[in-house]
Amino acid sequence: MTRRALVLVVAVMLGGCSLFKSRPEPVRRPVPVAVKPAVPGLQDPNGTPIERVPFRTGVSSATVEKMAKEHGCLGGQGAGLMTEAGPVEVYRMRCESGAMQGKVLTARCELRQCVKM
């Protein structure tokens, strides 16, 4: 085999190796997160927007509602979970009638043992 033929065979073999390479992964870019605009009119005295938290029940909602009733707080919707579910949770209940009418009762529950805050 001549030198020229040998170079040609090596070039073909090296060129054929590119056929077996996998395709490059597409570039992954971060997805922008949509920020919910604050509801106009809900601001604290300093002008900071107030976020409304949706009502969620938790494992200790009934316990907090019973404790609220003992303190004279009766609410329509009941005790809502304000934090993520876990060993320590914070509940909030609006008092719509009773001795605490118009106030908010907040309770902290640790491993289902609740204390008024």
PDB file of N, CA and C in Angstrom:
ATOM      1  N   MET A   1       0.841  -1.163   0.000  1.00  0.00           N
ATOM      2  CA  MET A   1       0.000   0.000   0.000  1.00  0.00           C
ATOM      3  C   MET A   1       0.893   1.235   0.000  1.00  0.00           C
ATOM      4  N   THR A   2       0.540   2.154  -0.814  1.00  0.00           N
ATOM      5  CA  THR A   2       1.344   3.362  -0.911  1.00  0.00           C
ATOM      6  C   THR A   2       0.988   4.300   0.224  1.00  0.00           C
ATOM      7  N   ARG A   3       1.834   5.243   0.404  1.00  0.00           N
ATOM      8  CA  ARG A   3       1.643   6.231   1.468  1.00  0.00           C
ATOM      9  C   ARG A   3       0.365   7.018   1.238  1.00  0.00           C
ATOM     10  N   ARG A   4       0.078   7.324   0.012  1.00  0.00           N
ATOM     11  CA  ARG A   4      -1.118   8.093  -0.343  1.00  0.00           C
ATOM     12  C   ARG A   4      -2.392   7.303  -0.006  1.00  0.00           C
ATOM     13  N   ALA A   5      -2.390   6.006  -0.299  1.00  0.00           N
ATOM     14  CA  ALA A   5      -3.538   5.158  -0.011  1.00  0.00           C
ATOM     15  C   ALA A   5      -3.729   5.002   1.491  1.00  0.00           C
ATOM     16  N   LEU A   6      -2.620   4.919   2.226  1.00  0.00           N
ATOM     17  CA  LEU A   6      -2.669   4.789   3.677  1.00  0.00           C
ATOM     18  C   LEU A   6      -3.267   6.041   4.307  1.00  0.00           C
ATOM     19  N   VAL A   7      -2.881   7.189   3.834  1.00  0.00           N
ATOM     20  CA  VAL A   7      -3.433   8.456   4.334  1.00  0.00           C
ATOM     21  C   VAL A   7      -4.922   8.526   4.037  1.00  0.00           C
ATOM     22  N   LEU A   8      -5.314   8.072   2.848  1.00  0.00           N
ATOM     23  CA  LEU A   8      -6.724   8.074   2.474  1.00  0.00           C
ATOM     24  C   LEU A   8      -7.533   7.143   3.368  1.00  0.00           C
ATOM     25  N   VAL A   9      -7.023   5.961   3.688  1.00  0.00           N
ATOM     26  CA  VAL A   9      -7.719   5.004   4.551  1.00  0.00           C
ATOM     27  C   VAL A   9      -7.859   5.577   5.965  1.00  0.00           C
ATOM     28  N   VAL A  10      -6.818   6.188   6.489  1.00  0.00           N
ATOM     29  CA  VAL A  10      -6.866   6.787   7.835  1.00  0.00           C
ATOM     30  C   VAL A  10      -7.875   7.935   7.855  1.00  0.00           C
ATOM     31  N   ALA A  11      -7.914   8.752   6.830  1.00  0.00           N
ATOM     32  CA  ALA A  11      -8.853   9.868   6.762  1.00  0.00           C
ATOM     33  C   ALA A  11     -10.298   9.373   6.728  1.00  0.00           C
ATOM     34  N   VAL A  12     -10.548   8.313   5.966  1.00  0.00           N
ATOM     35  CA  VAL A  12     -11.899   7.763   5.884  1.00  0.00           C
ATOM     36  C   VAL A  12     -12.307   7.179   7.235  1.00  0.00           C
ATOM     37  N   MET A  13     -11.390   6.508   7.901  1.00  0.00           N
ATOM     38  CA  MET A  13     -11.705   5.914   9.192  1.00  0.00           C
ATOM     39  C   MET A  13     -11.979   6.992  10.240  1.00  0.00           C
ATOM     40  N   LEU A  14     -11.184   8.016  10.265  1.00  0.00           N
ATOM     41  CA  LEU A  14     -11.410   9.101  11.216  1.00  0.00           C
ATOM     42  C   LEU A  14     -12.689   9.858  10.892  1.00  0.00           C
ATOM     43  N   GLY A  15     -12.987  10.023   9.642  1.00  0.00           N
ATOM     44  CA  GLY A  15     -14.223  10.692   9.238  1.00  0.00           C
ATOM     45  C   GLY A  15     -15.443   9.863   9.583  1.00  0.00           C
ATOM     46  N   GLY A  16     -15.333   8.567   9.519  1.00  0.00           N
ATOM     47  CA  GLY A  16     -16.453   7.687   9.847  1.00  0.00           C
ATOM     48  C   GLY A  16     -16.757   7.666  11.329  1.00  0.00           C
ATOM     49  N   CYS A  17     -15.790   7.996  12.188  1.00  0.00           N
ATOM     50  CA  CYS A  17     -16.018   8.009  13.630  1.00  0.00           C
ATOM     51  C   CYS A  17     -17.036   9.073  14.016  1.00  0.00           C
ATOM     52  N   SER A  18     -17.117  10.120  13.232  1.00  0.00           N
ATOM     53  CA  SER A  18     -18.058  11.188  13.569  1.00  0.00           C
ATOM     54  C   SER A  18     -19.501  10.749  13.368  1.00  0.00           C
ATOM     55  N   LEU A  19     -19.722   9.663  12.657  1.00  0.00           N
ATOM     56  CA  LEU A  19     -21.087   9.170  12.451  1.00  0.00           C
ATOM     57  C   LEU A  19     -21.673   8.578  13.727  1.00  0.00           C
ATOM     58  N   PHE A  20     -20.824   8.123  14.639  1.00  0.00           N
ATOM     59  CA  PHE A  20     -21.308   7.438  15.831  1.00  0.00           C
ATOM     60  C   PHE A  20     -21.421   8.348  17.047  1.00  0.00           C
ATOM     61  N   LYS A  21     -21.090   9.595  16.914  1.00  0.00           N
ATOM     62  CA  LYS A  21     -21.197  10.516  18.043  1.00  0.00           C
ATOM     63  C   LYS A  21     -22.657  10.868  18.272  1.00  0.00           C
ATOM     64  N   SER A  22     -23.011  11.032  19.540  1.00  0.00           N
ATOM     65  CA  SER A  22     -24.396  11.410  19.856  1.00  0.00           C
ATOM     66  C   SER A  22     -24.585  12.899  19.566  1.00  0.00           C
ATOM     67  N   ARG A  23     -25.824  13.262  19.437  1.00  0.00           N
ATOM     68  CA  ARG A  23     -26.139  14.663  19.158  1.00  0.00           C
ATOM     69  C   ARG A  23     -25.899  15.488  20.414  1.00  0.00           C
ATOM     70  N   PRO A  24     -25.492  16.719  20.253  1.00  0.00           N
ATOM     71  CA  PRO A  24     -25.272  17.550  21.449  1.00  0.00           C
ATOM     72  C   PRO A  24     -26.603  17.856  22.133  1.00  0.00           C
ATOM     73  N   GLU A  25     -26.552  17.949  23.475  1.00  0.00           N
ATOM     74  CA  GLU A  25     -27.763  18.257  24.233  1.00  0.00           C
ATOM     75  C   GLU A  25     -28.178  19.698  23.970  1.00  0.00           C
ATOM     76  N   PRO A  26     -29.478  19.946  23.907  1.00  0.00           N
ATOM     77  CA  PRO A  26     -29.932  21.322  23.701  1.00  0.00           C
ATOM     78  C   PRO A  26     -29.592  22.176  24.921  1.00  0.00           C
ATOM     79  N   VAL A  27     -29.369  23.440  24.668  1.00  0.00           N
ATOM     80  CA  VAL A  27     -29.044  24.366  25.743  1.00  0.00           C
ATOM     81  C   VAL A  27     -30.309  24.606  26.560  1.00  0.00           C
ATOM     82  N   ARG A  28     -30.212  24.418  27.868  1.00  0.00           N
ATOM     83  CA  ARG A  28     -31.365  24.627  28.751  1.00  0.00           C
ATOM     84  C   ARG A  28     -31.239  25.984  29.407  1.00  0.00           C
ATOM     85  N   ARG A  29     -32.243  26.766  29.216  1.00  0.00           N
ATOM     86  CA  ARG A  29     -32.250  28.104  29.804  1.00  0.00           C
ATOM     87  C   ARG A  29     -33.315  28.147  30.892  1.00  0.00           C
ATOM     88  N   PRO A  30     -33.092  28.930  31.956  1.00  0.00           N
ATOM     89  CA  PRO A  30     -34.094  29.014  33.016  1.00  0.00           C
ATOM     90  C   PRO A  30     -35.390  29.633  32.507  1.00  0.00           C
ATOM     91  N   VAL A  31     -36.494  29.115  33.013  1.00  0.00           N
ATOM     92  CA  VAL A  31     -37.809  29.615  32.627  1.00  0.00           C
ATOM     93  C   VAL A  31     -38.171  30.773  33.551  1.00  0.00           C
ATOM     94  N   PRO A  32     -38.580  31.912  33.009  1.00  0.00           N
ATOM     95  CA  PRO A  32     -38.926  33.029  33.883  1.00  0.00           C
ATOM     96  C   PRO A  32     -40.178  32.709  34.695  1.00  0.00           C
ATOM     97  N   VAL A  33     -40.173  33.119  35.960  1.00  0.00           N
ATOM     98  CA  VAL A  33     -41.290  32.881  36.859  1.00  0.00           C
ATOM     99  C   VAL A  33     -42.193  34.104  36.849  1.00  0.00           C
ATOM    100  N   ALA A  34     -43.472  33.859  36.643  1.00  0.00           N
ATOM    101  CA  ALA A  34     -44.430  34.961  36.625  1.00  0.00           C
ATOM    102  C   ALA A  34     -44.732  35.389  38.057  1.00  0.00           C
ATOM    103  N   VAL A  35     -44.621  36.661  38.337  1.00  0.00           N
ATOM    104  CA  VAL A  35     -44.902  37.201  39.654  1.00  0.00           C
ATOM    105  C   VAL A  35     -46.313  37.764  39.641  1.00  0.00           C
ATOM    106  N   LYS A  36     -47.107  37.332  40.632  1.00  0.00           N
ATOM    107  CA  LYS A  36     -48.473  37.808  40.724  1.00  0.00           C
ATOM    108  C   LYS A  36     -48.468  39.247  41.218  1.00  0.00           C
ATOM    109  N   PRO A  37     -49.116  40.133  40.513  1.00  0.00           N
ATOM    110  CA  PRO A  37     -49.175  41.494  41.018  1.00  0.00           C
ATOM    111  C   PRO A  37     -50.086  41.563  42.242  1.00  0.00           C
ATOM    112  N   ALA A  38     -49.738  42.430  43.165  1.00  0.00           N
ATOM    113  CA  ALA A  38     -50.536  42.592  44.370  1.00  0.00           C
ATOM    114  C   ALA A  38     -51.878  43.224  44.024  1.00  0.00           C
ATOM    115  N   VAL A  39     -52.891  42.853  44.774  1.00  0.00           N
ATOM    116  CA  VAL A  39     -54.217  43.423  44.560  1.00  0.00           C
ATOM    117  C   VAL A  39     -54.169  44.883  44.991  1.00  0.00           C
ATOM    118  N   PRO A  40     -54.582  45.802  44.122  1.00  0.00           N
ATOM    119  CA  PRO A  40     -54.529  47.194  44.505  1.00  0.00           C
ATOM    120  C   PRO A  40     -55.436  47.451  45.705  1.00  0.00           C
ATOM    121  N   GLY A  41     -54.942  48.265  46.623  1.00  0.00           N
ATOM    122  CA  GLY A  41     -55.731  48.608  47.795  1.00  0.00           C
ATOM    123  C   GLY A  41     -55.339  47.820  49.031  1.00  0.00           C
ATOM    124  N   LEU A  42     -54.682  46.671  48.882  1.00  0.00           N
ATOM    125  CA  LEU A  42     -54.257  45.896  50.038  1.00  0.00           C
ATOM    126  C   LEU A  42     -52.811  46.245  50.362  1.00  0.00           C
ATOM    127  N   GLN A  43     -52.642  47.229  51.253  1.00  0.00           N
ATOM    128  CA  GLN A  43     -51.306  47.667  51.655  1.00  0.00           C
ATOM    129  C   GLN A  43     -51.301  47.947  53.146  1.00  0.00           C
ATOM    130  N   ASP A  44     -50.119  47.746  53.776  1.00  0.00           N
ATOM    131  CA  ASP A  44     -50.004  48.093  55.182  1.00  0.00           C
ATOM    132  C   ASP A  44     -49.752  49.596  55.293  1.00  0.00           C
ATOM    133  N   PRO A  45     -49.696  50.162  56.494  1.00  0.00           N
ATOM    134  CA  PRO A  45     -49.510  51.611  56.637  1.00  0.00           C
ATOM    135  C   PRO A  45     -48.241  52.157  55.983  1.00  0.00           C
ATOM    136  N   ASN A  46     -47.219  51.309  55.791  1.00  0.00           N
ATOM    137  CA  ASN A  46     -45.978  51.761  55.157  1.00  0.00           C
ATOM    138  C   ASN A  46     -46.037  51.685  53.635  1.00  0.00           C
ATOM    139  N   GLY A  47     -47.141  51.198  53.085  1.00  0.00           N
ATOM    140  CA  GLY A  47     -47.282  51.098  51.634  1.00  0.00           C
ATOM    141  C   GLY A  47     -46.838  49.767  51.060  1.00  0.00           C
ATOM    142  N   THR A  48     -46.442  48.826  51.919  1.00  0.00           N
ATOM    143  CA  THR A  48     -46.016  47.513  51.453  1.00  0.00           C
ATOM    144  C   THR A  48     -47.244  46.683  51.087  1.00  0.00           C
ATOM    145  N   PRO A  49     -47.244  46.064  49.897  1.00  0.00           N
ATOM    146  CA  PRO A  49     -48.410  45.251  49.495  1.00  0.00           C
ATOM    147  C   PRO A  49     -48.636  44.083  50.453  1.00  0.00           C
ATOM    148  N   ILE A  50     -49.894  43.782  50.718  1.00  0.00           N
ATOM    149  CA  ILE A  50     -50.272  42.666  51.583  1.00  0.00           C
ATOM    150  C   ILE A  50     -50.722  41.517  50.690  1.00  0.00           C
ATOM    151  N   GLU A  51     -50.145  40.347  50.915  1.00  0.00           N
ATOM    152  CA  GLU A  51     -50.483  39.167  50.120  1.00  0.00           C
ATOM    153  C   GLU A  51     -51.612  38.400  50.799  1.00  0.00           C
ATOM    154  N   ARG A  52     -52.611  38.019  50.027  1.00  0.00           N
ATOM    155  CA  ARG A  52     -53.706  37.202  50.559  1.00  0.00           C
ATOM    156  C   ARG A  52     -53.289  35.739  50.485  1.00  0.00           C
ATOM    157  N   VAL A  53     -53.428  35.035  51.606  1.00  0.00           N
ATOM    158  CA  VAL A  53     -53.079  33.622  51.671  1.00  0.00           C
ATOM    159  C   VAL A  53     -54.365  32.816  51.526  1.00  0.00           C
ATOM    160  N   PRO A  54     -54.411  31.863  50.594  1.00  0.00           N
ATOM    161  CA  PRO A  54     -55.633  31.067  50.428  1.00  0.00           C
ATOM    162  C   PRO A  54     -55.902  30.207  51.663  1.00  0.00           C
ATOM    163  N   PHE A  55     -57.172  29.956  51.943  1.00  0.00           N
ATOM    164  CA  PHE A  55     -57.555  29.147  53.100  1.00  0.00           C
ATOM    165  C   PHE A  55     -57.224  27.681  52.842  1.00  0.00           C
ATOM    166  N   ARG A  56     -56.493  27.079  53.792  1.00  0.00           N
ATOM    167  CA  ARG A  56     -56.162  25.652  53.724  1.00  0.00           C
ATOM    168  C   ARG A  56     -56.363  25.050  55.110  1.00  0.00           C
ATOM    169  N   THR A  57     -56.946  23.889  55.174  1.00  0.00           N
ATOM    170  CA  THR A  57     -57.066  23.207  56.456  1.00  0.00           C
ATOM    171  C   THR A  57     -55.810  22.380  56.693  1.00  0.00           C
ATOM    172  N   GLY A  58     -55.555  22.084  57.947  1.00  0.00           N
ATOM    173  CA  GLY A  58     -54.400  21.272  58.311  1.00  0.00           C
ATOM    174  C   GLY A  58     -54.818  20.197  59.296  1.00  0.00           C
ATOM    175  N   VAL A  59     -53.861  19.399  59.754  1.00  0.00           N
ATOM    176  CA  VAL A  59     -54.176  18.295  60.658  1.00  0.00           C
ATOM    177  C   VAL A  59     -54.659  18.792  62.016  1.00  0.00           C
ATOM    178  N   SER A  60     -54.293  20.019  62.415  1.00  0.00           N
ATOM    179  CA  SER A  60     -54.684  20.548  63.720  1.00  0.00           C
ATOM    180  C   SER A  60     -55.765  21.615  63.627  1.00  0.00           C
ATOM    181  N   SER A  61     -56.423  21.760  62.489  1.00  0.00           N
ATOM    182  CA  SER A  61     -57.462  22.791  62.339  1.00  0.00           C
ATOM    183  C   SER A  61     -58.577  22.614  63.363  1.00  0.00           C
ATOM    184  N   ALA A  62     -59.048  21.388  63.556  1.00  0.00           N
ATOM    185  CA  ALA A  62     -60.135  21.134  64.508  1.00  0.00           C
ATOM    186  C   ALA A  62     -59.701  21.463  65.940  1.00  0.00           C
ATOM    187  N   THR A  63     -58.456  21.159  66.287  1.00  0.00           N
ATOM    188  CA  THR A  63     -57.940  21.456  67.623  1.00  0.00           C
ATOM    189  C   THR A  63     -57.900  22.960  67.859  1.00  0.00           C
ATOM    190  N   VAL A  64     -57.442  23.705  66.866  1.00  0.00           N
ATOM    191  CA  VAL A  64     -57.367  25.161  66.993  1.00  0.00           C
ATOM    192  C   VAL A  64     -58.776  25.750  67.073  1.00  0.00           C
ATOM    193  N   GLU A  65     -59.709  25.231  66.316  1.00  0.00           N
ATOM    194  CA  GLU A  65     -61.087  25.727  66.368  1.00  0.00           C
ATOM    195  C   GLU A  65     -61.698  25.482  67.747  1.00  0.00           C
ATOM    196  N   LYS A  66     -61.409  24.342  68.352  1.00  0.00           N
ATOM    197  CA  LYS A  66     -61.913  24.042  69.699  1.00  0.00           C
ATOM    198  C   LYS A  66     -61.287  24.999  70.717  1.00  0.00           C
ATOM    199  N   MET A  67     -59.981  25.238  70.586  1.00  0.00           N
ATOM    200  CA  MET A  67     -59.293  26.158  71.487  1.00  0.00           C
ATOM    201  C   MET A  67     -59.842  27.571  71.320  1.00  0.00           C
ATOM    202  N   ALA A  68     -60.123  27.977  70.085  1.00  0.00           N
ATOM    203  CA  ALA A  68     -60.666  29.307  69.824  1.00  0.00           C
ATOM    204  C   ALA A  68     -62.040  29.458  70.463  1.00  0.00           C
ATOM    205  N   LYS A  69     -62.847  28.421  70.388  1.00  0.00           N
ATOM    206  CA  LYS A  69     -64.180  28.454  70.987  1.00  0.00           C
ATOM    207  C   LYS A  69     -64.078  28.640  72.495  1.00  0.00           C
ATOM    208  N   GLU A  70     -63.099  28.008  73.123  1.00  0.00           N
ATOM    209  CA  GLU A  70     -62.872  28.162  74.566  1.00  0.00           C
ATOM    210  C   GLU A  70     -62.472  29.588  74.926  1.00  0.00           C
ATOM    211  N   HIS A  71     -61.823  30.305  74.001  1.00  0.00           N
ATOM    212  CA  HIS A  71     -61.410  31.696  74.235  1.00  0.00           C
ATOM    213  C   HIS A  71     -62.470  32.698  73.777  1.00  0.00           C
ATOM    214  N   GLY A  72     -63.617  32.217  73.328  1.00  0.00           N
ATOM    215  CA  GLY A  72     -64.698  33.101  72.908  1.00  0.00           C
ATOM    216  C   GLY A  72     -64.593  33.571  71.471  1.00  0.00           C
ATOM    217  N   CYS A  73     -63.946  32.799  70.641  1.00  0.00           N
ATOM    218  CA  CYS A  73     -63.788  33.140  69.221  1.00  0.00           C
ATOM    219  C   CYS A  73     -64.559  32.138  68.385  1.00  0.00           C
ATOM    220  N   LEU A  74     -65.570  32.617  67.682  1.00  0.00           N
ATOM    221  CA  LEU A  74     -66.347  31.750  66.798  1.00  0.00           C
ATOM    222  C   LEU A  74     -66.194  32.274  65.381  1.00  0.00           C
ATOM    223  N   GLY A  75     -65.801  31.412  64.452  1.00  0.00           N
ATOM    224  CA  GLY A  75     -65.553  31.849  63.083  1.00  0.00           C
ATOM    225  C   GLY A  75     -66.361  31.056  62.083  1.00  0.00           C
ATOM    226  N   GLY A  76     -66.590  31.643  60.945  1.00  0.00           N
ATOM    227  CA  GLY A  76     -67.361  30.987  59.908  1.00  0.00           C
ATOM    228  C   GLY A  76     -66.563  29.955  59.144  1.00  0.00           C
ATOM    229  N   GLN A  77     -65.371  30.320  58.701  1.00  0.00           N
ATOM    230  CA  GLN A  77     -64.572  29.416  57.871  1.00  0.00           C
ATOM    231  C   GLN A  77     -63.755  28.445  58.713  1.00  0.00           C
ATOM    232  N   GLY A  78     -63.344  28.843  59.890  1.00  0.00           N
ATOM    233  CA  GLY A  78     -62.553  27.969  60.751  1.00  0.00           C
ATOM    234  C   GLY A  78     -61.089  28.349  60.746  1.00  0.00           C
ATOM    235  N   ALA A  79     -60.261  27.452  61.287  1.00  0.00           N
ATOM    236  CA  ALA A  79     -58.829  27.700  61.421  1.00  0.00           C
ATOM    237  C   ALA A  79     -58.110  27.281  60.145  1.00  0.00           C
ATOM    238  N   GLY A  80     -57.366  28.198  59.559  1.00  0.00           N
ATOM    239  CA  GLY A  80     -56.631  27.930  58.328  1.00  0.00           C
ATOM    240  C   GLY A  80     -55.143  27.817  58.578  1.00  0.00           C
ATOM    241  N   LEU A  81     -54.496  26.915  57.863  1.00  0.00           N
ATOM    242  CA  LEU A  81     -53.057  26.690  57.967  1.00  0.00           C
ATOM    243  C   LEU A  81     -52.321  27.807  57.246  1.00  0.00           C
ATOM    244  N   MET A  82     -51.408  28.483  57.934  1.00  0.00           N
ATOM    245  CA  MET A  82     -50.679  29.614  57.364  1.00  0.00           C
ATOM    246  C   MET A  82     -49.280  29.227  56.882  1.00  0.00           C
ATOM    247  N   THR A  83     -48.713  28.162  57.414  1.00  0.00           N
ATOM    248  CA  THR A  83     -47.364  27.727  57.043  1.00  0.00           C
ATOM    249  C   THR A  83     -47.450  26.413  56.281  1.00  0.00           C
ATOM    250  N   GLU A  84     -46.307  25.908  55.857  1.00  0.00           N
ATOM    251  CA  GLU A  84     -46.263  24.605  55.205  1.00  0.00           C
ATOM    252  C   GLU A  84     -46.555  23.519  56.246  1.00  0.00           C
ATOM    253  N   ALA A  85     -47.161  22.433  55.823  1.00  0.00           N
ATOM    254  CA  ALA A  85     -47.437  21.315  56.723  1.00  0.00           C
ATOM    255  C   ALA A  85     -46.122  20.716  57.200  1.00  0.00           C
ATOM    256  N   GLY A  86     -46.069  20.365  58.464  1.00  0.00           N
ATOM    257  CA  GLY A  86     -44.846  19.805  59.032  1.00  0.00           C
ATOM    258  C   GLY A  86     -45.001  19.630  60.524  1.00  0.00           C
ATOM    259  N   PRO A  87     -43.889  19.430  61.232  1.00  0.00           N
ATOM    260  CA  PRO A  87     -43.981  19.225  62.681  1.00  0.00           C
ATOM    261  C   PRO A  87     -44.407  20.495  63.428  1.00  0.00           C
ATOM    262  N   VAL A  88     -44.074  21.670  62.890  1.00  0.00           N
ATOM    263  CA  VAL A  88     -44.478  22.938  63.495  1.00  0.00           C
ATOM    264  C   VAL A  88     -45.325  23.688  62.480  1.00  0.00           C
ATOM    265  N   GLU A  89     -46.558  24.027  62.880  1.00  0.00           N
ATOM    266  CA  GLU A  89     -47.489  24.709  61.988  1.00  0.00           C
ATOM    267  C   GLU A  89     -48.096  25.907  62.696  1.00  0.00           C
ATOM    268  N   VAL A  90     -48.477  26.916  61.929  1.00  0.00           N
ATOM    269  CA  VAL A  90     -49.140  28.106  62.461  1.00  0.00           C
ATOM    270  C   VAL A  90     -50.519  28.195  61.811  1.00  0.00           C
ATOM    271  N   TYR A  91     -51.530  28.393  62.646  1.00  0.00           N
ATOM    272  CA  TYR A  91     -52.916  28.501  62.187  1.00  0.00           C
ATOM    273  C   TYR A  91     -53.459  29.885  62.531  1.00  0.00           C
ATOM    274  N   ARG A  92     -54.417  30.319  61.728  1.00  0.00           N
ATOM    275  CA  ARG A  92     -55.053  31.618  61.942  1.00  0.00           C
ATOM    276  C   ARG A  92     -56.556  31.438  61.793  1.00  0.00           C
ATOM    277  N   MET A  93     -57.294  32.125  62.662  1.00  0.00           N
ATOM    278  CA  MET A  93     -58.747  32.038  62.596  1.00  0.00           C
ATOM    279  C   MET A  93     -59.335  33.415  62.872  1.00  0.00           C
ATOM    280  N   ARG A  94     -60.202  33.878  61.970  1.00  0.00           N
ATOM    281  CA  ARG A  94     -60.900  35.152  62.176  1.00  0.00           C
ATOM    282  C   ARG A  94     -62.101  34.918  63.074  1.00  0.00           C
ATOM    283  N   CYS A  95     -62.239  35.765  64.067  1.00  0.00           N
ATOM    284  CA  CYS A  95     -63.364  35.655  64.999  1.00  0.00           C
ATOM    285  C   CYS A  95     -64.499  36.529  64.478  1.00  0.00           C
ATOM    286  N   GLU A  96     -65.555  35.886  63.983  1.00  0.00           N
ATOM    287  CA  GLU A  96     -66.675  36.629  63.415  1.00  0.00           C
ATOM    288  C   GLU A  96     -67.769  36.896  64.436  1.00  0.00           C
ATOM    289  N   SER A  97     -67.764  36.155  65.543  1.00  0.00           N
ATOM    290  CA  SER A  97     -68.739  36.411  66.601  1.00  0.00           C
ATOM    291  C   SER A  97     -68.144  35.933  67.923  1.00  0.00           C
ATOM    292  N   GLY A  98     -68.841  36.216  69.009  1.00  0.00           N
ATOM    293  CA  GLY A  98     -68.354  35.815  70.325  1.00  0.00           C
ATOM    294  C   GLY A  98     -67.635  36.971  71.006  1.00  0.00           C
ATOM    295  N   ALA A  99     -66.947  36.667  72.101  1.00  0.00           N
ATOM    296  CA  ALA A  99     -66.263  37.693  72.893  1.00  0.00           C
ATOM    297  C   ALA A  99     -65.120  38.352  72.124  1.00  0.00           C
ATOM    298  N   MET A 100     -64.511  37.662  71.190  1.00  0.00           N
ATOM    299  CA  MET A 100     -63.367  38.200  70.427  1.00  0.00           C
ATOM    300  C   MET A 100     -63.782  38.666  69.034  1.00  0.00           C
ATOM    301  N   GLN A 101     -65.020  39.048  68.853  1.00  0.00           N
ATOM    302  CA  GLN A 101     -65.533  39.429  67.532  1.00  0.00           C
ATOM    303  C   GLN A 101     -64.658  40.511  66.901  1.00  0.00           C
ATOM    304  N   GLY A 102     -64.300  40.309  65.632  1.00  0.00           N
ATOM    305  CA  GLY A 102     -63.486  41.270  64.891  1.00  0.00           C
ATOM    306  C   GLY A 102     -61.987  41.087  65.076  1.00  0.00           C
ATOM    307  N   LYS A 103     -61.560  40.157  65.904  1.00  0.00           N
ATOM    308  CA  LYS A 103     -60.134  39.914  66.143  1.00  0.00           C
ATOM    309  C   LYS A 103     -59.694  38.645  65.437  1.00  0.00           C
ATOM    310  N   VAL A 104     -58.397  38.394  65.473  1.00  0.00           N
ATOM    311  CA  VAL A 104     -57.820  37.206  64.842  1.00  0.00           C
ATOM    312  C   VAL A 104     -57.096  36.399  65.909  1.00  0.00           C
ATOM    313  N   LEU A 105     -57.374  35.111  65.951  1.00  0.00           N
ATOM    314  CA  LEU A 105     -56.682  34.214  66.874  1.00  0.00           C
ATOM    315  C   LEU A 105     -55.617  33.461  66.082  1.00  0.00           C
ATOM    316  N   THR A 106     -54.400  33.478  66.597  1.00  0.00           N
ATOM    317  CA  THR A 106     -53.287  32.769  65.956  1.00  0.00           C
ATOM    318  C   THR A 106     -52.787  31.710  66.928  1.00  0.00           C
ATOM    319  N   ALA A 107     -52.518  30.516  66.419  1.00  0.00           N
ATOM    320  CA  ALA A 107     -52.034  29.419  67.257  1.00  0.00           C
ATOM    321  C   ALA A 107     -50.854  28.737  66.586  1.00  0.00           C
ATOM    322  N   ARG A 108     -49.941  28.272  67.429  1.00  0.00           N
ATOM    323  CA  ARG A 108     -48.764  27.532  66.961  1.00  0.00           C
ATOM    324  C   ARG A 108     -48.909  26.099  67.435  1.00  0.00           C
ATOM    325  N   CYS A 109     -48.824  25.168  66.516  1.00  0.00           N
ATOM    326  CA  CYS A 109     -48.981  23.750  66.849  1.00  0.00           C
ATOM    327  C   CYS A 109     -47.675  23.018  66.544  1.00  0.00           C
ATOM    328  N   GLU A 110     -47.149  22.345  67.557  1.00  0.00           N
ATOM    329  CA  GLU A 110     -45.938  21.550  67.383  1.00  0.00           C
ATOM    330  C   GLU A 110     -46.285  20.108  67.698  1.00  0.00           C
ATOM    331  N   LEU A 111     -46.185  19.252  66.703  1.00  0.00           N
ATOM    332  CA  LEU A 111     -46.547  17.840  66.829  1.00  0.00           C
ATOM    333  C   LEU A 111     -47.954  17.701  67.413  1.00  0.00           C
ATOM    334  N   ARG A 112     -48.885  18.489  66.854  1.00  0.00           N
ATOM    335  CA  ARG A 112     -50.311  18.498  67.189  1.00  0.00           C
ATOM    336  C   ARG A 112     -50.632  19.006  68.591  1.00  0.00           C
ATOM    337  N   GLN A 113     -49.677  19.638  69.246  1.00  0.00           N
ATOM    338  CA  GLN A 113     -49.907  20.287  70.545  1.00  0.00           C
ATOM    339  C   GLN A 113     -49.976  21.777  70.292  1.00  0.00           C
ATOM    340  N   CYS A 114     -51.166  22.381  70.443  1.00  0.00           N
ATOM    341  CA  CYS A 114     -51.397  23.758  70.026  1.00  0.00           C
ATOM    342  C   CYS A 114     -51.414  24.723  71.209  1.00  0.00           C
ATOM    343  N   VAL A 115     -50.822  25.903  70.980  1.00  0.00           N
ATOM    344  CA  VAL A 115     -50.762  26.967  71.981  1.00  0.00           C
ATOM    345  C   VAL A 115     -51.146  28.264  71.307  1.00  0.00           C
ATOM    346  N   LYS A 116     -51.984  29.075  71.986  1.00  0.00           N
ATOM    347  CA  LYS A 116     -52.388  30.372  71.460  1.00  0.00           C
ATOM    348  C   LYS A 116     -51.180  31.309  71.463  1.00  0.00           C
ATOM    349  N   MET A 117     -51.034  32.041  70.373  1.00  0.00           N
ATOM    350  CA  MET A 117     -49.904  32.989  70.276  1.00  0.00           C
ATOM    351  C   MET A 117     -50.365  34.374  70.675  1.00  0.00           C
TER     352      MET A 117
END
